[in-house]
Structures are given as structure tokens and as C-alpha cells.
Amino acid sequence: MKKENATDTYIGIIAEIADKLEAIKSYAVDDHMGVEADKVNWGNVGTAKALLALLNEAAEFSGI
């Protein structure tokens, strides 16, 4: 059994973060969270605000 080292684990986690960020960008920005412009309702606004709050928390945690 190969023992994991911190560098390999760190690089794997960074790759997962990059994948998640790309998926969020694709969903939230490119696909407008799956909502057509003429069908936006206040529920969609709340969902977008919740996602933004989570992203702001991640950015603050990251020092951005």
C-alpha cells in the first residue's frame, strides 16, 4: 500500500476545486442556472443570492 504524501493530496484537492468552479461557472453563468430570462421568478432570485453568499464565503475564506 502506497502512503499518500501531502503534495499529492494537495494537488488532487486543487484539481477538484478547479473542477467544481468550472461546473459552477457552466451552470450559474453560462446556463443562467437553467432558467430562461422570461421565466425568472423570486425563487430563482433567492437561489442565486444563496449561491452568491456561498461563493462570497469561499472567497473570503480564500483571502480574495
PDB file of N, CA and C in Angstrom:
ATOM      1  N   MET A   1       0.843  -1.184   0.000  1.00  0.00           N
ATOM      2  CA  MET A   1       0.000   0.000   0.000  1.00  0.00           C
ATOM      3  C   MET A   1       0.886   1.244   0.000  1.00  0.00           C
ATOM      4  N   LYS A   2       0.656   2.118  -0.972  1.00  0.00           N
ATOM      5  CA  LYS A   2       1.441   3.343  -1.082  1.00  0.00           C
ATOM      6  C   LYS A   2       0.907   4.391  -0.107  1.00  0.00           C
ATOM      7  N   LYS A   3       1.819   4.984   0.631  1.00  0.00           N
ATOM      8  CA  LYS A   3       1.434   6.031   1.567  1.00  0.00           C
ATOM      9  C   LYS A   3       1.303   7.350   0.805  1.00  0.00           C
ATOM     10  N   GLU A   4       0.168   8.020   0.983  1.00  0.00           N
ATOM     11  CA  GLU A   4      -0.037   9.320   0.330  1.00  0.00           C
ATOM     12  C   GLU A   4       0.855  10.356   0.978  1.00  0.00           C
ATOM     13  N   ASN A   5       1.329  11.278   0.157  1.00  0.00           N
ATOM     14  CA  ASN A   5       2.057  12.389   0.749  1.00  0.00           C
ATOM     15  C   ASN A   5       1.222  13.656   0.596  1.00  0.00           C
ATOM     16  N   ALA A   6       1.576  14.670   1.348  1.00  0.00           N
ATOM     17  CA  ALA A   6       0.784  15.900   1.390  1.00  0.00           C
ATOM     18  C   ALA A   6       0.704  16.575   0.024  1.00  0.00           C
ATOM     19  N   THR A   7       1.789  16.564  -0.724  1.00  0.00           N
ATOM     20  CA  THR A   7       1.802  17.242  -2.021  1.00  0.00           C
ATOM     21  C   THR A   7       0.819  16.602  -2.987  1.00  0.00           C
ATOM     22  N   ASP A   8       0.837  15.289  -3.072  1.00  0.00           N
ATOM     23  CA  ASP A   8      -0.088  14.590  -3.973  1.00  0.00           C
ATOM     24  C   ASP A   8      -1.537  14.840  -3.564  1.00  0.00           C
ATOM     25  N   THR A   9      -1.804  14.789  -2.273  1.00  0.00           N
ATOM     26  CA  THR A   9      -3.153  15.031  -1.783  1.00  0.00           C
ATOM     27  C   THR A   9      -3.588  16.459  -2.081  1.00  0.00           C
ATOM     28  N   TYR A  10      -2.692  17.409  -1.844  1.00  0.00           N
ATOM     29  CA  TYR A  10      -2.973  18.828  -2.086  1.00  0.00           C
ATOM     30  C   TYR A  10      -3.280  19.073  -3.566  1.00  0.00           C
ATOM     31  N   ILE A  11      -2.476  18.530  -4.449  1.00  0.00           N
ATOM     32  CA  ILE A  11      -2.681  18.702  -5.893  1.00  0.00           C
ATOM     33  C   ILE A  11      -4.027  18.106  -6.310  1.00  0.00           C
ATOM     34  N   GLY A  12      -4.382  16.975  -5.750  1.00  0.00           N
ATOM     35  CA  GLY A  12      -5.679  16.358  -6.051  1.00  0.00           C
ATOM     36  C   GLY A  12      -6.842  17.236  -5.601  1.00  0.00           C
ATOM     37  N   ILE A  13      -6.706  17.819  -4.420  1.00  0.00           N
ATOM     38  CA  ILE A  13      -7.762  18.692  -3.911  1.00  0.00           C
ATOM     39  C   ILE A  13      -7.877  19.946  -4.765  1.00  0.00           C
ATOM     40  N   ILE A  14      -6.759  20.527  -5.161  1.00  0.00           N
ATOM     41  CA  ILE A  14      -6.768  21.714  -6.017  1.00  0.00           C
ATOM     42  C   ILE A  14      -7.460  21.392  -7.347  1.00  0.00           C
ATOM     43  N   ALA A  15      -7.204  20.219  -7.897  1.00  0.00           N
ATOM     44  CA  ALA A  15      -7.858  19.806  -9.140  1.00  0.00           C
ATOM     45  C   ALA A  15      -9.370  19.683  -8.940  1.00  0.00           C
ATOM     46  N   GLU A  16      -9.793  19.143  -7.795  1.00  0.00           N
ATOM     47  CA  GLU A  16     -11.226  19.043  -7.506  1.00  0.00           C
ATOM     48  C   GLU A  16     -11.856  20.425  -7.383  1.00  0.00           C
ATOM     49  N   ILE A  17     -11.156  21.350  -6.736  1.00  0.00           N
ATOM     50  CA  ILE A  17     -11.658  22.721  -6.620  1.00  0.00           C
ATOM     51  C   ILE A  17     -11.825  23.335  -8.003  1.00  0.00           C
ATOM     52  N   ALA A  18     -10.840  23.158  -8.857  1.00  0.00           N
ATOM     53  CA  ALA A  18     -10.917  23.703 -10.217  1.00  0.00           C
ATOM     54  C   ALA A  18     -12.104  23.119 -10.969  1.00  0.00           C
ATOM     55  N   ASP A  19     -12.326  21.819 -10.819  1.00  0.00           N
ATOM     56  CA  ASP A  19     -13.461  21.168 -11.479  1.00  0.00           C
ATOM     57  C   ASP A  19     -14.793  21.724 -10.972  1.00  0.00           C
ATOM     58  N   LYS A  20     -14.904  21.900  -9.650  1.00  0.00           N
ATOM     59  CA  LYS A  20     -16.145  22.437  -9.075  1.00  0.00           C
ATOM     60  C   LYS A  20     -16.388  23.866  -9.549  1.00  0.00           C
ATOM     61  N   LEU A  21     -15.343  24.678  -9.562  1.00  0.00           N
ATOM     62  CA  LEU A  21     -15.501  26.061 -10.016  1.00  0.00           C
ATOM     63  C   LEU A  21     -15.934  26.126 -11.476  1.00  0.00           C
ATOM     64  N   GLU A  22     -15.379  25.268 -12.299  1.00  0.00           N
ATOM     65  CA  GLU A  22     -15.769  25.235 -13.708  1.00  0.00           C
ATOM     66  C   GLU A  22     -17.217  24.790 -13.855  1.00  0.00           C
ATOM     67  N   ALA A  23     -17.623  23.806 -13.049  1.00  0.00           N
ATOM     68  CA  ALA A  23     -19.012  23.338 -13.097  1.00  0.00           C
ATOM     69  C   ALA A  23     -19.970  24.434 -12.642  1.00  0.00           C
ATOM     70  N   ILE A  24     -19.604  25.159 -11.588  1.00  0.00           N
ATOM     71  CA  ILE A  24     -20.443  26.266 -11.115  1.00  0.00           C
ATOM     72  C   ILE A  24     -20.530  27.342 -12.185  1.00  0.00           C
ATOM     73  N   LYS A  25     -19.399  27.677 -12.808  1.00  0.00           N
ATOM     74  CA  LYS A  25     -19.406  28.688 -13.874  1.00  0.00           C
ATOM     75  C   LYS A  25     -20.317  28.246 -15.015  1.00  0.00           C
ATOM     76  N   SER A  26     -20.189  27.003 -15.418  1.00  0.00           N
ATOM     77  CA  SER A  26     -21.011  26.490 -16.510  1.00  0.00           C
ATOM     78  C   SER A  26     -22.494  26.566 -16.159  1.00  0.00           C
ATOM     79  N   TYR A  27     -22.837  26.154 -14.957  1.00  0.00           N
ATOM     80  CA  TYR A  27     -24.235  26.138 -14.517  1.00  0.00           C
ATOM     81  C   TYR A  27     -24.771  27.540 -14.267  1.00  0.00           C
ATOM     82  N   ALA A  28     -24.060  28.317 -13.462  1.00  0.00           N
ATOM     83  CA  ALA A  28     -24.593  29.602 -12.995  1.00  0.00           C
ATOM     84  C   ALA A  28     -24.439  30.713 -14.018  1.00  0.00           C
ATOM     85  N   VAL A  29     -23.336  30.733 -14.716  1.00  0.00           N
ATOM     86  CA  VAL A  29     -23.071  31.846 -15.636  1.00  0.00           C
ATOM     87  C   VAL A  29     -23.485  31.481 -17.065  1.00  0.00           C
ATOM     88  N   ASP A  30     -22.916  30.413 -17.574  1.00  0.00           N
ATOM     89  CA  ASP A  30     -23.156  30.055 -18.979  1.00  0.00           C
ATOM     90  C   ASP A  30     -24.598  29.591 -19.223  1.00  0.00           C
ATOM     91  N   ASP A  31     -25.168  28.850 -18.258  1.00  0.00           N
ATOM     92  CA  ASP A  31     -26.515  28.302 -18.425  1.00  0.00           C
ATOM     93  C   ASP A  31     -27.575  29.092 -17.651  1.00  0.00           C
ATOM     94  N   HIS A  32     -27.176  30.176 -17.001  1.00  0.00           N
ATOM     95  CA  HIS A  32     -28.102  31.024 -16.226  1.00  0.00           C
ATOM     96  C   HIS A  32     -28.914  30.199 -15.226  1.00  0.00           C
ATOM     97  N   MET A  33     -28.235  29.216 -14.616  1.00  0.00           N
ATOM     98  CA  MET A  33     -28.841  28.333 -13.612  1.00  0.00           C
ATOM     99  C   MET A  33     -30.061  27.605 -14.169  1.00  0.00           C
ATOM    100  N   GLY A  34     -30.072  27.366 -15.464  1.00  0.00           N
ATOM    101  CA  GLY A  34     -31.140  26.610 -16.098  1.00  0.00           C
ATOM    102  C   GLY A  34     -32.459  27.352 -16.211  1.00  0.00           C
ATOM    103  N   VAL A  35     -32.436  28.669 -16.039  1.00  0.00           N
ATOM    104  CA  VAL A  35     -33.665  29.456 -16.056  1.00  0.00           C
ATOM    105  C   VAL A  35     -33.676  30.367 -17.283  1.00  0.00           C
ATOM    106  N   GLU A  36     -34.740  30.305 -18.027  1.00  0.00           N
ATOM    107  CA  GLU A  36     -34.888  31.203 -19.171  1.00  0.00           C
ATOM    108  C   GLU A  36     -35.218  32.608 -18.661  1.00  0.00           C
ATOM    109  N   ALA A  37     -34.695  33.627 -19.346  1.00  0.00           N
ATOM    110  CA  ALA A  37     -34.838  35.012 -18.890  1.00  0.00           C
ATOM    111  C   ALA A  37     -36.295  35.412 -18.649  1.00  0.00           C
ATOM    112  N   ASP A  38     -37.189  34.949 -19.493  1.00  0.00           N
ATOM    113  CA  ASP A  38     -38.594  35.348 -19.337  1.00  0.00           C
ATOM    114  C   ASP A  38     -39.344  34.502 -18.304  1.00  0.00           C
ATOM    115  N   LYS A  39     -38.642  33.573 -17.651  1.00  0.00           N
ATOM    116  CA  LYS A  39     -39.275  32.722 -16.641  1.00  0.00           C
ATOM    117  C   LYS A  39     -38.688  32.914 -15.253  1.00  0.00           C
ATOM    118  N   VAL A  40     -37.863  33.943 -15.066  1.00  0.00           N
ATOM    119  CA  VAL A  40     -37.251  34.193 -13.766  1.00  0.00           C
ATOM    120  C   VAL A  40     -38.321  34.607 -12.762  1.00  0.00           C
ATOM    121  N   ASN A  41     -38.259  33.999 -11.573  1.00  0.00           N
ATOM    122  CA  ASN A  41     -39.171  34.376 -10.501  1.00  0.00           C
ATOM    123  C   ASN A  41     -38.361  34.660  -9.239  1.00  0.00           C
ATOM    124  N   TRP A  42     -39.051  35.073  -8.176  1.00  0.00           N
ATOM    125  CA  TRP A  42     -38.342  35.442  -6.956  1.00  0.00           C
ATOM    126  C   TRP A  42     -37.656  34.244  -6.303  1.00  0.00           C
ATOM    127  N   GLY A  43     -38.149  33.050  -6.532  1.00  0.00           N
ATOM    128  CA  GLY A  43     -37.465  31.853  -6.047  1.00  0.00           C
ATOM    129  C   GLY A  43     -36.099  31.708  -6.691  1.00  0.00           C
ATOM    130  N   ASN A  44     -36.037  31.995  -8.000  1.00  0.00           N
ATOM    131  CA  ASN A  44     -34.754  31.946  -8.705  1.00  0.00           C
ATOM    132  C   ASN A  44     -33.793  32.994  -8.151  1.00  0.00           C
ATOM    133  N   VAL A  45     -34.342  34.173  -7.838  1.00  0.00           N
ATOM    134  CA  VAL A  45     -33.519  35.231  -7.249  1.00  0.00           C
ATOM    135  C   VAL A  45     -32.943  34.757  -5.912  1.00  0.00           C
ATOM    136  N   GLY A  46     -33.767  34.133  -5.099  1.00  0.00           N
ATOM    137  CA  GLY A  46     -33.303  33.624  -3.809  1.00  0.00           C
ATOM    138  C   GLY A  46     -32.225  32.569  -3.955  1.00  0.00           C
ATOM    139  N   THR A  47     -32.396  31.683  -4.922  1.00  0.00           N
ATOM    140  CA  THR A  47     -31.400  30.650  -5.177  1.00  0.00           C
ATOM    141  C   THR A  47     -30.086  31.273  -5.616  1.00  0.00           C
ATOM    142  N   ALA A  48     -30.159  32.258  -6.506  1.00  0.00           N
ATOM    143  CA  ALA A  48     -28.948  32.935  -6.978  1.00  0.00           C
ATOM    144  C   ALA A  48     -28.256  33.667  -5.827  1.00  0.00           C
ATOM    145  N   LYS A  49     -29.042  34.309  -4.963  1.00  0.00           N
ATOM    146  CA  LYS A  49     -28.463  35.011  -3.815  1.00  0.00           C
ATOM    147  C   LYS A  49     -27.795  34.042  -2.849  1.00  0.00           C
ATOM    148  N   ALA A  50     -28.403  32.881  -2.655  1.00  0.00           N
ATOM    149  CA  ALA A  50     -27.818  31.876  -1.765  1.00  0.00           C
ATOM    150  C   ALA A  50     -26.489  31.367  -2.325  1.00  0.00           C
ATOM    151  N   LEU A  51     -26.457  31.115  -3.630  1.00  0.00           N
ATOM    152  CA  LEU A  51     -25.213  30.675  -4.265  1.00  0.00           C
ATOM    153  C   LEU A  51     -24.155  31.765  -4.154  1.00  0.00           C
ATOM    154  N   LEU A  52     -24.531  33.019  -4.392  1.00  0.00           N
ATOM    155  CA  LEU A  52     -23.594  34.126  -4.269  1.00  0.00           C
ATOM    156  C   LEU A  52     -23.046  34.233  -2.846  1.00  0.00           C
ATOM    157  N   ALA A  53     -23.900  34.048  -1.851  1.00  0.00           N
ATOM    158  CA  ALA A  53     -23.447  34.104  -0.459  1.00  0.00           C
ATOM    159  C   ALA A  53     -22.407  33.022  -0.174  1.00  0.00           C
ATOM    160  N   LEU A  54     -22.642  31.810  -0.683  1.00  0.00           N
ATOM    161  CA  LEU A  54     -21.677  30.731  -0.503  1.00  0.00           C
ATOM    162  C   LEU A  54     -20.363  31.035  -1.213  1.00  0.00           C
ATOM    163  N   LEU A  55     -20.449  31.583  -2.418  1.00  0.00           N
ATOM    164  CA  LEU A  55     -19.234  31.939  -3.146  1.00  0.00           C
ATOM    165  C   LEU A  55     -18.481  33.067  -2.451  1.00  0.00           C
ATOM    166  N   ASN A  56     -19.221  34.034  -1.905  1.00  0.00           N
ATOM    167  CA  ASN A  56     -18.571  35.107  -1.144  1.00  0.00           C
ATOM    168  C   ASN A  56     -17.870  34.548   0.088  1.00  0.00           C
ATOM    169  N   GLU A  57     -18.500  33.589   0.751  1.00  0.00           N
ATOM    170  CA  GLU A  57     -17.878  32.956   1.911  1.00  0.00           C
ATOM    171  C   GLU A  57     -16.597  32.231   1.509  1.00  0.00           C
ATOM    172  N   ALA A  58     -16.644  31.511   0.394  1.00  0.00           N
ATOM    173  CA  ALA A  58     -15.453  30.815  -0.087  1.00  0.00           C
ATOM    174  C   ALA A  58     -14.354  31.811  -0.469  1.00  0.00           C
ATOM    175  N   ALA A  59     -14.738  32.906  -1.113  1.00  0.00           N
ATOM    176  CA  ALA A  59     -13.763  33.926  -1.495  1.00  0.00           C
ATOM    177  C   ALA A  59     -13.125  34.553  -0.259  1.00  0.00           C
ATOM    178  N   GLU A  60     -13.942  34.865   0.737  1.00  0.00           N
ATOM    179  CA  GLU A  60     -13.410  35.458   1.962  1.00  0.00           C
ATOM    180  C   GLU A  60     -12.471  34.471   2.661  1.00  0.00           C
ATOM    181  N   PHE A  61     -12.871  33.213   2.730  1.00  0.00           N
ATOM    182  CA  PHE A  61     -12.030  32.184   3.329  1.00  0.00           C
ATOM    183  C   PHE A  61     -10.694  32.085   2.594  1.00  0.00           C
ATOM    184  N   SER A  62     -10.729  32.298   1.276  1.00  0.00           N
ATOM    185  CA  SER A  62      -9.532  32.219   0.445  1.00  0.00           C
ATOM    186  C   SER A  62      -8.686  33.484   0.482  1.00  0.00           C
ATOM    187  N   GLY A  63      -9.203  34.525   1.124  1.00  0.00           N
ATOM    188  CA  GLY A  63      -8.461  35.779   1.188  1.00  0.00           C
ATOM    189  C   GLY A  63      -8.631  36.642  -0.051  1.00  0.00           C
ATOM    190  N   ILE A  64      -9.696  36.398  -0.779  1.00  0.00           N
ATOM    191  CA  ILE A  64      -9.957  37.159  -2.014  1.00  0.00           C
ATOM    192  C   ILE A  64     -10.875  38.311  -1.702  1.00  0.00           C
TER     193      ILE A  64
END
